[in-house]
Amino acid sequence: MPYRFLEQYDFYHNPELFRELGIFNSTVIQSNFQEYFTRSAMQIPSAITDVSDLYILKQPRDGFLGFVFYNLALFYKNIQYANLIVFFFFVAIFYIFLKHRTYKSAFISILGVISLYQILFSVFFSYGEFGRLISPSLPLIYLFSFYSYYLIFKKIKVFIYPKKRNTS
C-alpha cells in the first residue's frame, strides 16, 4: 500500500518525493506484472460487492426513519451482488450489438463498456476503496445488470412457456 508511505513521509509538500513514489510503483508493477495482474483480477468480485465506508450505517436505536435508512443500506449492500453479471453478460451483449446494429443494442453495449471500464480501472489502478471509486458509475452498472437479467428471464420465459402453434 503506497499510501502508508504518504502517512510516514511528507509527500504532499515535497513534489520530488511524490514523483519518486510514482516511479517506485511503476517499477514494482513492471517487475511483478504477472503476480500483480493475477492478484488484481482476483479482487474483481470483492470490488464489485464492496460498499464504501461512507455508506455504512450502524443499527438504529430508535425511530422509524433510522429503521428505514438502516434497511435501505442493507438492501443496497445486498443488491451489489447483482452486478456480478456484468462480466458474464458483456460478451453476449456485445455479440448482440455486432449481430443487430440498432440504437438499443449500441446503447446497452456502451453501458457495458462503461461498466467494465470503471470496474477494471478501479481495480487495476487503485489500492483499495473500490466501493467509493465504483460508486459514480453504479447507476450505469445497475442499468446494464438489470437489463441483462431482463434478457435472461425473457429467454427463460420463452423456454418454459413456448407459444402454442395454430394447428388449424
N, C-alpha and C. Protein backbone atom coordinates (compact mmCIF):
# COMPACT_ATOMS: atom_id res chain seq x y z
N MET A 1 0.84 -1.18 0.00
CA MET A 1 0.00 0.00 0.00
C MET A 1 0.88 1.25 0.00
N PRO A 2 1.02 1.89 -1.13
CA PRO A 2 1.85 3.09 -1.18
C PRO A 2 1.34 4.22 -0.29
N TYR A 3 0.07 4.18 0.08
CA TYR A 3 -0.47 5.25 0.91
C TYR A 3 0.10 5.24 2.31
N ARG A 4 0.65 4.12 2.72
CA ARG A 4 1.32 4.07 4.03
C ARG A 4 2.55 4.99 4.02
N PHE A 5 3.23 5.06 2.88
CA PHE A 5 4.37 5.96 2.77
C PHE A 5 3.92 7.41 2.83
N LEU A 6 2.74 7.70 2.31
CA LEU A 6 2.23 9.06 2.35
C LEU A 6 1.99 9.51 3.79
N GLU A 7 1.60 8.55 4.65
CA GLU A 7 1.39 8.88 6.05
C GLU A 7 2.72 9.10 6.77
N GLN A 8 3.74 8.36 6.39
CA GLN A 8 5.02 8.42 7.08
C GLN A 8 5.86 9.63 6.67
N TYR A 9 5.92 9.88 5.36
CA TYR A 9 6.75 10.97 4.86
C TYR A 9 5.85 12.11 4.39
N ASP A 10 6.40 13.27 4.28
CA ASP A 10 5.62 14.45 3.90
C ASP A 10 5.62 14.60 2.38
N PHE A 11 4.85 13.74 1.69
CA PHE A 11 4.82 13.74 0.24
C PHE A 11 4.07 14.95 -0.33
N TYR A 12 3.10 15.41 0.39
CA TYR A 12 2.25 16.47 -0.15
C TYR A 12 2.97 17.80 -0.28
N HIS A 13 3.96 18.02 0.55
CA HIS A 13 4.70 19.28 0.49
C HIS A 13 6.03 19.15 -0.23
N ASN A 14 6.36 17.94 -0.68
CA ASN A 14 7.60 17.71 -1.39
C ASN A 14 7.29 16.96 -2.69
N PRO A 15 7.11 17.69 -3.80
CA PRO A 15 6.74 17.04 -5.07
C PRO A 15 7.79 16.05 -5.57
N GLU A 16 9.03 16.23 -5.20
CA GLU A 16 10.08 15.31 -5.64
C GLU A 16 9.85 13.91 -5.07
N LEU A 17 9.50 13.83 -3.80
CA LEU A 17 9.19 12.54 -3.18
C LEU A 17 7.95 11.91 -3.82
N PHE A 18 6.97 12.72 -4.16
CA PHE A 18 5.74 12.21 -4.77
C PHE A 18 6.04 11.61 -6.14
N ARG A 19 6.91 12.24 -6.93
CA ARG A 19 7.31 11.70 -8.24
C ARG A 19 8.07 10.39 -8.07
N GLU A 20 8.93 10.33 -7.08
CA GLU A 20 9.69 9.11 -6.83
C GLU A 20 8.76 7.96 -6.43
N LEU A 21 7.69 8.26 -5.73
CA LEU A 21 6.74 7.22 -5.36
C LEU A 21 6.06 6.65 -6.61
N GLY A 22 5.73 7.50 -7.58
CA GLY A 22 5.15 7.03 -8.84
C GLY A 22 6.11 6.14 -9.60
N ILE A 23 7.37 6.54 -9.65
CA ILE A 23 8.39 5.73 -10.33
C ILE A 23 8.57 4.39 -9.61
N PHE A 24 8.57 4.44 -8.28
CA PHE A 24 8.69 3.21 -7.49
C PHE A 24 7.52 2.27 -7.78
N ASN A 25 6.30 2.80 -7.80
CA ASN A 25 5.11 1.97 -8.09
C ASN A 25 5.22 1.33 -9.47
N SER A 26 5.60 2.12 -10.47
CA SER A 26 5.72 1.59 -11.84
C SER A 26 6.77 0.50 -11.91
N THR A 27 7.89 0.69 -11.26
CA THR A 27 8.97 -0.30 -11.28
C THR A 27 8.52 -1.61 -10.63
N VAL A 28 7.83 -1.50 -9.49
CA VAL A 28 7.37 -2.71 -8.78
C VAL A 28 6.35 -3.46 -9.63
N ILE A 29 5.41 -2.74 -10.25
CA ILE A 29 4.38 -3.39 -11.06
C ILE A 29 5.00 -4.04 -12.29
N GLN A 30 5.92 -3.36 -12.96
CA GLN A 30 6.55 -3.93 -14.15
C GLN A 30 7.39 -5.16 -13.80
N SER A 31 8.03 -5.13 -12.66
CA SER A 31 8.87 -6.27 -12.27
C SER A 31 8.04 -7.49 -11.87
N ASN A 32 6.85 -7.26 -11.38
CA ASN A 32 5.99 -8.35 -10.90
C ASN A 32 4.64 -8.33 -11.60
N PHE A 33 4.66 -8.14 -12.91
CA PHE A 33 3.40 -7.91 -13.62
C PHE A 33 2.45 -9.10 -13.54
N GLN A 34 2.95 -10.31 -13.67
CA GLN A 34 2.07 -11.48 -13.64
C GLN A 34 1.36 -11.60 -12.29
N GLU A 35 2.11 -11.47 -11.22
CA GLU A 35 1.50 -11.55 -9.89
C GLU A 35 0.55 -10.37 -9.66
N TYR A 36 0.94 -9.18 -10.11
CA TYR A 36 0.08 -8.00 -9.97
C TYR A 36 -1.23 -8.21 -10.72
N PHE A 37 -1.14 -8.71 -11.95
CA PHE A 37 -2.35 -8.91 -12.76
C PHE A 37 -3.24 -9.98 -12.13
N THR A 38 -2.64 -11.08 -11.69
CA THR A 38 -3.41 -12.18 -11.11
C THR A 38 -4.10 -11.75 -9.82
N ARG A 39 -3.39 -11.12 -8.94
CA ARG A 39 -3.99 -10.71 -7.67
C ARG A 39 -5.03 -9.60 -7.87
N SER A 40 -4.79 -8.72 -8.82
CA SER A 40 -5.79 -7.69 -9.10
C SER A 40 -7.05 -8.30 -9.68
N ALA A 41 -6.89 -9.25 -10.59
CA ALA A 41 -8.06 -9.91 -11.18
C ALA A 41 -8.85 -10.67 -10.12
N MET A 42 -8.16 -11.22 -9.13
CA MET A 42 -8.86 -11.93 -8.07
C MET A 42 -9.64 -10.98 -7.16
N GLN A 43 -9.33 -9.70 -7.19
CA GLN A 43 -10.04 -8.72 -6.37
C GLN A 43 -11.31 -8.21 -7.03
N ILE A 44 -11.55 -8.55 -8.27
CA ILE A 44 -12.70 -8.00 -9.00
C ILE A 44 -14.03 -8.33 -8.33
N PRO A 45 -14.32 -9.58 -7.96
CA PRO A 45 -15.62 -9.83 -7.30
C PRO A 45 -15.80 -9.04 -6.00
N SER A 46 -14.76 -8.97 -5.20
CA SER A 46 -14.89 -8.21 -3.95
C SER A 46 -14.99 -6.71 -4.23
N ALA A 47 -14.40 -6.24 -5.32
CA ALA A 47 -14.50 -4.83 -5.67
C ALA A 47 -15.92 -4.47 -6.09
N ILE A 48 -16.57 -5.37 -6.81
CA ILE A 48 -17.94 -5.11 -7.26
C ILE A 48 -18.90 -5.09 -6.07
N THR A 49 -18.68 -5.97 -5.11
CA THR A 49 -19.59 -6.05 -3.97
C THR A 49 -19.17 -5.17 -2.80
N ASP A 50 -18.10 -4.42 -2.95
CA ASP A 50 -17.62 -3.56 -1.88
C ASP A 50 -18.55 -2.36 -1.71
N VAL A 51 -18.79 -2.00 -0.48
CA VAL A 51 -19.59 -0.82 -0.16
C VAL A 51 -18.65 0.16 0.53
N SER A 52 -18.70 1.39 0.09
CA SER A 52 -17.83 2.42 0.66
C SER A 52 -18.10 2.59 2.15
N ASP A 53 -17.04 2.88 2.88
CA ASP A 53 -17.19 3.11 4.32
C ASP A 53 -18.10 4.30 4.62
N LEU A 54 -18.26 5.17 3.67
CA LEU A 54 -19.13 6.33 3.87
C LEU A 54 -20.59 5.93 3.95
N TYR A 55 -20.96 4.78 3.40
CA TYR A 55 -22.35 4.35 3.36
C TYR A 55 -22.74 3.40 4.48
N ILE A 56 -21.79 3.01 5.31
CA ILE A 56 -22.09 2.02 6.35
C ILE A 56 -22.84 2.70 7.48
N LEU A 57 -23.98 2.12 7.81
CA LEU A 57 -24.81 2.62 8.90
C LEU A 57 -24.81 1.62 10.04
N LYS A 58 -24.87 2.13 11.24
CA LYS A 58 -24.99 1.26 12.40
C LYS A 58 -26.47 1.04 12.69
N GLN A 59 -26.77 -0.01 13.41
CA GLN A 59 -28.15 -0.33 13.76
C GLN A 59 -28.76 0.85 14.51
N PRO A 60 -29.89 1.36 14.02
CA PRO A 60 -30.50 2.50 14.71
C PRO A 60 -31.08 2.06 16.06
N ARG A 61 -31.02 2.96 17.01
CA ARG A 61 -31.53 2.63 18.35
C ARG A 61 -33.05 2.79 18.41
N ASP A 62 -33.53 3.81 17.76
CA ASP A 62 -34.97 4.02 17.77
C ASP A 62 -35.36 4.90 16.60
N GLY A 63 -36.61 4.98 16.37
CA GLY A 63 -37.12 5.86 15.33
C GLY A 63 -37.38 5.13 14.02
N PHE A 64 -38.45 5.52 13.41
CA PHE A 64 -38.85 4.91 12.14
C PHE A 64 -37.87 5.26 11.03
N LEU A 65 -37.43 6.51 11.00
CA LEU A 65 -36.52 6.95 9.94
C LEU A 65 -35.18 6.21 10.01
N GLY A 66 -34.67 5.99 11.21
CA GLY A 66 -33.44 5.21 11.36
C GLY A 66 -33.62 3.79 10.88
N PHE A 67 -34.78 3.20 11.18
CA PHE A 67 -35.10 1.85 10.72
C PHE A 67 -35.13 1.79 9.19
N VAL A 68 -35.75 2.78 8.56
CA VAL A 68 -35.85 2.82 7.10
C VAL A 68 -34.47 2.94 6.47
N PHE A 69 -33.65 3.86 6.97
CA PHE A 69 -32.32 4.06 6.38
C PHE A 69 -31.41 2.85 6.62
N TYR A 70 -31.54 2.22 7.75
CA TYR A 70 -30.74 1.03 8.01
C TYR A 70 -31.10 -0.09 7.04
N ASN A 71 -32.38 -0.34 6.85
CA ASN A 71 -32.81 -1.39 5.92
C ASN A 71 -32.49 -1.03 4.48
N LEU A 72 -32.55 0.24 4.14
CA LEU A 72 -32.15 0.67 2.80
C LEU A 72 -30.67 0.43 2.57
N ALA A 73 -29.84 0.67 3.58
CA ALA A 73 -28.40 0.40 3.46
C ALA A 73 -28.14 -1.10 3.33
N LEU A 74 -28.89 -1.93 4.06
CA LEU A 74 -28.73 -3.38 3.91
C LEU A 74 -29.14 -3.84 2.52
N PHE A 75 -30.23 -3.28 2.00
CA PHE A 75 -30.68 -3.62 0.65
C PHE A 75 -29.62 -3.22 -0.37
N TYR A 76 -29.06 -2.03 -0.22
CA TYR A 76 -28.00 -1.56 -1.12
C TYR A 76 -26.79 -2.48 -1.07
N LYS A 77 -26.41 -2.90 0.12
CA LYS A 77 -25.25 -3.78 0.26
C LYS A 77 -25.50 -5.13 -0.40
N ASN A 78 -26.70 -5.67 -0.25
CA ASN A 78 -27.01 -6.98 -0.81
C ASN A 78 -27.25 -6.94 -2.32
N ILE A 79 -27.73 -5.84 -2.84
CA ILE A 79 -28.01 -5.77 -4.28
C ILE A 79 -26.72 -5.61 -5.10
N GLN A 80 -25.63 -5.31 -4.44
CA GLN A 80 -24.35 -5.21 -5.14
C GLN A 80 -23.98 -6.53 -5.81
N TYR A 81 -24.43 -7.64 -5.25
CA TYR A 81 -24.12 -8.95 -5.83
C TYR A 81 -24.75 -9.13 -7.21
N ALA A 82 -25.82 -8.41 -7.47
CA ALA A 82 -26.47 -8.49 -8.78
C ALA A 82 -25.56 -7.98 -9.89
N ASN A 83 -24.61 -7.14 -9.54
CA ASN A 83 -23.72 -6.55 -10.54
C ASN A 83 -22.63 -7.51 -11.02
N LEU A 84 -22.52 -8.66 -10.42
CA LEU A 84 -21.51 -9.64 -10.87
C LEU A 84 -21.80 -10.14 -12.28
N ILE A 85 -23.02 -9.97 -12.75
CA ILE A 85 -23.38 -10.43 -14.09
C ILE A 85 -22.70 -9.63 -15.19
N VAL A 86 -22.18 -8.47 -14.85
CA VAL A 86 -21.55 -7.60 -15.86
C VAL A 86 -20.48 -8.36 -16.63
N PHE A 87 -19.65 -9.11 -15.94
CA PHE A 87 -18.56 -9.80 -16.62
C PHE A 87 -19.02 -10.98 -17.45
N PHE A 88 -20.08 -11.62 -17.03
CA PHE A 88 -20.56 -12.78 -17.75
C PHE A 88 -21.41 -12.40 -18.96
N PHE A 89 -22.14 -11.30 -18.86
CA PHE A 89 -23.09 -10.97 -19.91
C PHE A 89 -22.55 -9.95 -20.91
N PHE A 90 -21.42 -9.32 -20.61
CA PHE A 90 -20.90 -8.30 -21.52
C PHE A 90 -20.61 -8.87 -22.90
N VAL A 91 -20.04 -10.05 -22.96
CA VAL A 91 -19.71 -10.67 -24.25
C VAL A 91 -20.98 -10.93 -25.05
N ALA A 92 -22.03 -11.40 -24.39
CA ALA A 92 -23.30 -11.66 -25.08
C ALA A 92 -23.91 -10.36 -25.61
N ILE A 93 -23.89 -9.32 -24.82
CA ILE A 93 -24.45 -8.03 -25.26
C ILE A 93 -23.64 -7.48 -26.42
N PHE A 94 -22.33 -7.60 -26.35
CA PHE A 94 -21.50 -7.09 -27.44
C PHE A 94 -21.74 -7.91 -28.72
N TYR A 95 -21.95 -9.21 -28.58
CA TYR A 95 -22.28 -10.06 -29.73
C TYR A 95 -23.63 -9.63 -30.33
N ILE A 96 -24.60 -9.35 -29.48
CA ILE A 96 -25.91 -8.87 -29.97
C ILE A 96 -25.73 -7.57 -30.74
N PHE A 97 -24.87 -6.69 -30.24
CA PHE A 97 -24.62 -5.43 -30.94
C PHE A 97 -23.99 -5.67 -32.31
N LEU A 98 -23.03 -6.57 -32.40
CA LEU A 98 -22.38 -6.85 -33.68
C LEU A 98 -23.34 -7.52 -34.66
N LYS A 99 -24.26 -8.31 -34.13
CA LYS A 99 -25.20 -9.01 -35.00
C LYS A 99 -26.36 -8.11 -35.43
N HIS A 100 -26.88 -7.33 -34.51
CA HIS A 100 -28.02 -6.44 -34.79
C HIS A 100 -27.63 -5.02 -34.39
N ARG A 101 -27.18 -4.26 -35.33
CA ARG A 101 -26.72 -2.90 -35.03
C ARG A 101 -27.91 -1.94 -34.98
N THR A 102 -28.45 -1.83 -33.79
CA THR A 102 -29.55 -0.90 -33.55
C THR A 102 -29.10 0.10 -32.48
N TYR A 103 -29.89 1.15 -32.33
CA TYR A 103 -29.57 2.14 -31.29
C TYR A 103 -29.66 1.51 -29.90
N LYS A 104 -30.62 0.64 -29.73
CA LYS A 104 -30.80 -0.02 -28.43
C LYS A 104 -29.59 -0.89 -28.08
N SER A 105 -29.15 -1.71 -29.03
CA SER A 105 -28.00 -2.58 -28.74
C SER A 105 -26.72 -1.76 -28.58
N ALA A 106 -26.61 -0.66 -29.32
CA ALA A 106 -25.44 0.22 -29.16
C ALA A 106 -25.45 0.87 -27.77
N PHE A 107 -26.62 1.32 -27.34
CA PHE A 107 -26.73 1.95 -26.02
C PHE A 107 -26.38 0.96 -24.91
N ILE A 108 -26.89 -0.25 -25.00
CA ILE A 108 -26.61 -1.26 -23.98
C ILE A 108 -25.13 -1.65 -24.01
N SER A 109 -24.55 -1.73 -25.20
CA SER A 109 -23.11 -2.04 -25.31
C SER A 109 -22.26 -0.94 -24.69
N ILE A 110 -22.66 0.30 -24.89
CA ILE A 110 -21.93 1.43 -24.28
C ILE A 110 -22.04 1.36 -22.76
N LEU A 111 -23.23 1.03 -22.26
CA LEU A 111 -23.38 0.85 -20.81
C LEU A 111 -22.43 -0.24 -20.30
N GLY A 112 -22.33 -1.33 -21.04
CA GLY A 112 -21.43 -2.42 -20.66
C GLY A 112 -19.97 -2.01 -20.67
N VAL A 113 -19.60 -1.26 -21.70
CA VAL A 113 -18.20 -0.81 -21.80
C VAL A 113 -17.86 0.13 -20.64
N ILE A 114 -18.77 1.06 -20.35
CA ILE A 114 -18.52 1.99 -19.24
C ILE A 114 -18.46 1.23 -17.91
N SER A 115 -19.35 0.26 -17.74
CA SER A 115 -19.35 -0.53 -16.51
C SER A 115 -18.03 -1.29 -16.34
N LEU A 116 -17.63 -1.99 -17.38
CA LEU A 116 -16.36 -2.73 -17.30
C LEU A 116 -15.17 -1.80 -17.11
N TYR A 117 -15.17 -0.70 -17.82
CA TYR A 117 -14.07 0.25 -17.70
C TYR A 117 -13.93 0.74 -16.27
N GLN A 118 -15.03 1.15 -15.67
CA GLN A 118 -14.98 1.70 -14.31
C GLN A 118 -14.51 0.64 -13.32
N ILE A 119 -15.02 -0.56 -13.45
CA ILE A 119 -14.64 -1.63 -12.52
C ILE A 119 -13.17 -2.00 -12.70
N LEU A 120 -12.77 -2.26 -13.93
CA LEU A 120 -11.38 -2.68 -14.17
C LEU A 120 -10.39 -1.56 -13.86
N PHE A 121 -10.72 -0.34 -14.22
CA PHE A 121 -9.83 0.78 -13.93
C PHE A 121 -9.67 0.96 -12.42
N SER A 122 -10.75 0.81 -11.68
CA SER A 122 -10.68 0.96 -10.23
C SER A 122 -9.84 -0.15 -9.60
N VAL A 123 -9.99 -1.37 -10.11
CA VAL A 123 -9.27 -2.50 -9.51
C VAL A 123 -7.79 -2.46 -9.86
N PHE A 124 -7.48 -2.20 -11.13
CA PHE A 124 -6.08 -2.31 -11.56
C PHE A 124 -5.25 -1.05 -11.28
N PHE A 125 -5.88 0.08 -11.05
CA PHE A 125 -5.11 1.31 -10.87
C PHE A 125 -5.35 2.00 -9.54
N SER A 126 -5.91 1.28 -8.58
CA SER A 126 -6.05 1.85 -7.24
C SER A 126 -5.65 0.78 -6.23
N TYR A 127 -5.60 1.17 -4.99
CA TYR A 127 -5.10 0.27 -3.96
C TYR A 127 -6.16 -0.02 -2.90
N GLY A 128 -7.39 0.13 -3.22
CA GLY A 128 -8.45 -0.14 -2.26
C GLY A 128 -9.58 0.86 -2.42
N GLU A 129 -10.50 0.83 -1.50
CA GLU A 129 -11.67 1.69 -1.51
C GLU A 129 -12.44 1.56 -2.82
N PHE A 130 -12.64 0.34 -3.25
CA PHE A 130 -13.28 0.10 -4.55
C PHE A 130 -14.73 0.59 -4.55
N GLY A 131 -15.42 0.44 -3.42
CA GLY A 131 -16.80 0.89 -3.36
C GLY A 131 -16.93 2.37 -3.63
N ARG A 132 -16.01 3.16 -3.12
CA ARG A 132 -16.03 4.61 -3.34
C ARG A 132 -15.69 4.94 -4.79
N LEU A 133 -14.75 4.22 -5.38
CA LEU A 133 -14.32 4.52 -6.74
C LEU A 133 -15.32 4.06 -7.79
N ILE A 134 -16.04 2.99 -7.51
CA ILE A 134 -17.01 2.46 -8.47
C ILE A 134 -18.36 3.15 -8.33
N SER A 135 -18.65 3.74 -7.18
CA SER A 135 -19.98 4.29 -6.93
C SER A 135 -20.44 5.36 -7.93
N PRO A 136 -19.59 6.19 -8.53
CA PRO A 136 -20.12 7.15 -9.52
C PRO A 136 -20.75 6.49 -10.74
N SER A 137 -20.28 5.30 -11.08
CA SER A 137 -20.83 4.64 -12.26
C SER A 137 -21.89 3.59 -11.91
N LEU A 138 -22.25 3.47 -10.64
CA LEU A 138 -23.23 2.46 -10.25
C LEU A 138 -24.57 2.57 -10.95
N PRO A 139 -25.10 3.76 -11.20
CA PRO A 139 -26.38 3.79 -11.94
C PRO A 139 -26.26 3.12 -13.32
N LEU A 140 -25.16 3.34 -14.01
CA LEU A 140 -24.97 2.71 -15.32
C LEU A 140 -24.76 1.21 -15.18
N ILE A 141 -24.03 0.81 -14.16
CA ILE A 141 -23.81 -0.62 -13.92
C ILE A 141 -25.13 -1.30 -13.59
N TYR A 142 -25.96 -0.65 -12.79
CA TYR A 142 -27.28 -1.21 -12.47
C TYR A 142 -28.14 -1.32 -13.72
N LEU A 143 -28.13 -0.31 -14.56
CA LEU A 143 -28.91 -0.38 -15.80
C LEU A 143 -28.47 -1.58 -16.64
N PHE A 144 -27.18 -1.73 -16.80
CA PHE A 144 -26.66 -2.85 -17.59
C PHE A 144 -27.02 -4.18 -16.93
N SER A 145 -26.83 -4.28 -15.62
CA SER A 145 -27.10 -5.53 -14.91
C SER A 145 -28.58 -5.91 -15.00
N PHE A 146 -29.45 -4.95 -14.73
CA PHE A 146 -30.88 -5.27 -14.72
C PHE A 146 -31.39 -5.57 -16.13
N TYR A 147 -30.83 -4.92 -17.12
CA TYR A 147 -31.22 -5.26 -18.49
C TYR A 147 -30.74 -6.67 -18.84
N SER A 148 -29.58 -7.05 -18.36
CA SER A 148 -29.07 -8.41 -18.59
C SER A 148 -29.99 -9.43 -17.94
N TYR A 149 -30.41 -9.16 -16.71
CA TYR A 149 -31.34 -10.07 -16.05
C TYR A 149 -32.68 -10.12 -16.79
N TYR A 150 -33.12 -8.99 -17.29
CA TYR A 150 -34.36 -8.95 -18.06
C TYR A 150 -34.26 -9.87 -19.28
N LEU A 151 -33.15 -9.80 -20.00
CA LEU A 151 -32.98 -10.67 -21.17
C LEU A 151 -32.93 -12.15 -20.78
N ILE A 152 -32.29 -12.45 -19.68
CA ILE A 152 -32.22 -13.84 -19.22
C ILE A 152 -33.61 -14.35 -18.86
N PHE A 153 -34.35 -13.57 -18.09
CA PHE A 153 -35.69 -14.01 -17.69
C PHE A 153 -36.63 -14.09 -18.89
N LYS A 154 -36.42 -13.23 -19.86
CA LYS A 154 -37.22 -13.28 -21.09
C LYS A 154 -36.95 -14.60 -21.83
N LYS A 155 -35.69 -15.00 -21.92
CA LYS A 155 -35.34 -16.27 -22.57
C LYS A 155 -35.88 -17.46 -21.79
N ILE A 156 -35.82 -17.40 -20.47
CA ILE A 156 -36.34 -18.49 -19.65
C ILE A 156 -37.85 -18.60 -19.84
N LYS A 157 -38.53 -17.48 -19.89
CA LYS A 157 -39.98 -17.49 -20.06
C LYS A 157 -40.36 -18.11 -21.40
N VAL A 158 -39.62 -17.77 -22.46
CA VAL A 158 -39.90 -18.35 -23.77
C VAL A 158 -39.63 -19.84 -23.76
N PHE A 159 -38.61 -20.26 -23.04
CA PHE A 159 -38.26 -21.69 -22.97
C PHE A 159 -39.32 -22.46 -22.17
N ILE A 160 -39.78 -21.90 -21.05
CA ILE A 160 -40.74 -22.60 -20.20
C ILE A 160 -42.15 -22.54 -20.79
N TYR A 161 -42.53 -21.37 -21.32
CA TYR A 161 -43.87 -21.20 -21.88
C TYR A 161 -43.79 -20.94 -23.38
N PRO A 162 -43.54 -21.96 -24.17
CA PRO A 162 -43.46 -21.73 -25.62
C PRO A 162 -44.84 -21.36 -26.15
N LYS A 163 -44.83 -20.59 -27.24
CA LYS A 163 -46.09 -20.18 -27.86
C LYS A 163 -46.78 -21.40 -28.45
N LYS A 164 -48.09 -21.42 -28.29
CA LYS A 164 -48.85 -22.52 -28.86
C LYS A 164 -48.98 -22.33 -30.36
N ARG A 165 -48.80 -23.41 -31.07
CA ARG A 165 -48.88 -23.34 -32.53
C ARG A 165 -50.34 -23.52 -32.97
N ASN A 166 -50.66 -22.81 -33.99
CA ASN A 166 -52.00 -22.92 -34.54
C ASN A 166 -52.03 -24.15 -35.46
N THR A 167 -52.81 -25.15 -35.09
CA THR A 167 -52.84 -26.41 -35.85
C THR A 167 -53.97 -26.46 -36.85
N SER A 168 -54.75 -25.43 -36.98
CA SER A 168 -55.87 -25.49 -37.92
C SER A 168 -55.48 -25.09 -39.31
